[in-house]
Amino acid sequence: TIPAEFKLFQNYSNPFNGITHIKYRVEHDGFVSLCVFDVLGRQLATLVSAAKQRGTHTAEFDANSLPSGVYFCRLQVKNATSTIRMALVK
């Protein structure tokens, strides 16, 4: 189930070549963490690590220095009940 506190939308474009945009929504003001991982679980990038106001936001992921493959995005919101994960394909 998708938690009501926040939502991670599919990145645009997917698959992508170089740069992609990741949209997410938080229902309450709070501290947001949005990170990208490889298939081995290694954290490659922290796209957002900041307090965000309620609403929809977009983060840019620049993967030009990374090889083609599948990457995973993790969205966490402090005091929320769940973590959302999403696959990115380059």
Protein backbone atom coordinates (compact mmCIF):
# COMPACT_ATOMS: atom_id res chain seq x y z
CA THR A 1 0.00 0.00 0.00
CA ILE A 2 1.09 3.58 -0.65
CA PRO A 3 1.20 5.68 2.48
CA ALA A 4 -1.03 8.75 2.66
CA GLU A 5 1.79 10.94 3.99
CA PHE A 6 3.80 11.04 0.75
CA LYS A 7 3.98 9.71 -2.79
CA LEU A 8 6.83 8.99 -5.20
CA PHE A 9 5.83 9.34 -8.86
CA GLN A 10 7.48 7.50 -11.75
CA ASN A 11 10.50 9.38 -13.03
CA TYR A 12 10.35 11.11 -16.40
CA SER A 13 11.66 9.89 -18.75
CA ASN A 14 12.06 6.20 -18.01
CA PRO A 15 14.20 4.74 -19.40
CA PHE A 16 16.40 7.80 -19.47
CA ASN A 17 19.69 8.81 -21.02
CA GLY A 18 21.81 10.93 -18.70
CA ILE A 19 19.35 13.03 -16.69
CA THR A 20 15.91 12.22 -15.32
CA HIS A 21 13.43 14.09 -13.15
CA ILE A 22 11.80 12.51 -10.10
CA LYS A 23 8.59 13.99 -8.78
CA TYR A 24 7.32 13.39 -5.25
CA ARG A 25 4.58 14.75 -3.02
CA VAL A 26 4.49 15.25 0.74
CA GLU A 27 1.19 15.80 2.52
CA HIS A 28 2.71 17.51 5.57
CA ASP A 29 5.76 19.71 6.15
CA GLY A 30 8.70 17.54 7.15
CA PHE A 31 12.25 16.40 6.57
CA VAL A 32 12.59 14.58 3.23
CA SER A 33 15.34 12.23 2.10
CA LEU A 34 15.48 11.09 -1.55
CA CYS A 35 18.40 8.79 -2.44
CA VAL A 36 19.46 6.67 -5.42
CA PHE A 37 21.01 3.21 -5.09
CA ASP A 38 22.51 0.68 -7.49
CA VAL A 39 21.35 -2.95 -7.70
CA LEU A 40 23.91 -3.95 -5.04
CA GLY A 41 22.34 -1.52 -2.57
CA ARG A 42 25.15 1.03 -2.66
CA GLN A 43 23.98 4.61 -2.26
CA LEU A 44 25.06 6.61 -5.32
CA ALA A 45 23.39 9.96 -4.77
CA THR A 46 21.38 11.97 -2.28
CA LEU A 47 19.01 14.11 -4.32
CA VAL A 48 17.13 15.67 -1.42
CA SER A 49 18.05 15.95 2.23
CA ALA A 50 16.10 18.91 3.56
CA ALA A 51 12.95 20.13 5.20
CA LYS A 52 10.19 20.46 2.61
CA GLN A 53 6.80 22.08 2.74
CA ARG A 54 3.61 20.26 1.90
CA GLY A 55 3.14 19.89 -1.85
CA THR A 56 4.67 18.42 -4.99
CA HIS A 57 8.39 18.74 -5.64
CA THR A 58 10.82 17.59 -8.35
CA ALA A 59 14.42 16.45 -8.03
CA GLU A 60 16.90 15.99 -10.87
CA PHE A 61 19.11 12.89 -11.09
CA ASP A 62 22.21 13.29 -13.26
CA ALA A 63 23.50 9.81 -14.11
CA ASN A 64 25.82 10.82 -16.94
CA SER A 65 28.81 9.37 -15.08
CA LEU A 66 27.05 6.06 -14.36
CA PRO A 67 26.77 3.02 -16.64
CA SER A 68 23.47 1.90 -18.13
CA GLY A 69 21.45 -0.25 -15.78
CA VAL A 70 18.71 -0.31 -13.19
CA TYR A 71 18.82 2.08 -10.24
CA PHE A 72 16.53 2.37 -7.24
CA CYS A 73 15.15 5.49 -5.66
CA ARG A 74 14.18 5.64 -1.98
CA LEU A 75 11.94 8.36 -0.54
CA GLN A 76 11.69 8.77 3.22
CA VAL A 77 9.81 11.40 5.17
CA LYS A 78 10.56 11.86 8.86
CA ASN A 79 7.69 10.65 11.06
CA ALA A 80 5.98 8.92 8.13
CA THR A 81 4.95 5.30 8.47
CA SER A 82 6.58 3.88 5.32
CA THR A 83 9.39 4.09 2.82
CA ILE A 84 8.67 4.06 -0.92
CA ARG A 85 11.07 2.51 -3.41
CA MET A 86 11.04 2.86 -7.19
CA ALA A 87 13.19 1.48 -10.03
CA LEU A 88 14.91 3.81 -12.51
CA VAL A 89 16.19 2.39 -15.81
CA LYS A 90 19.05 4.04 -17.66
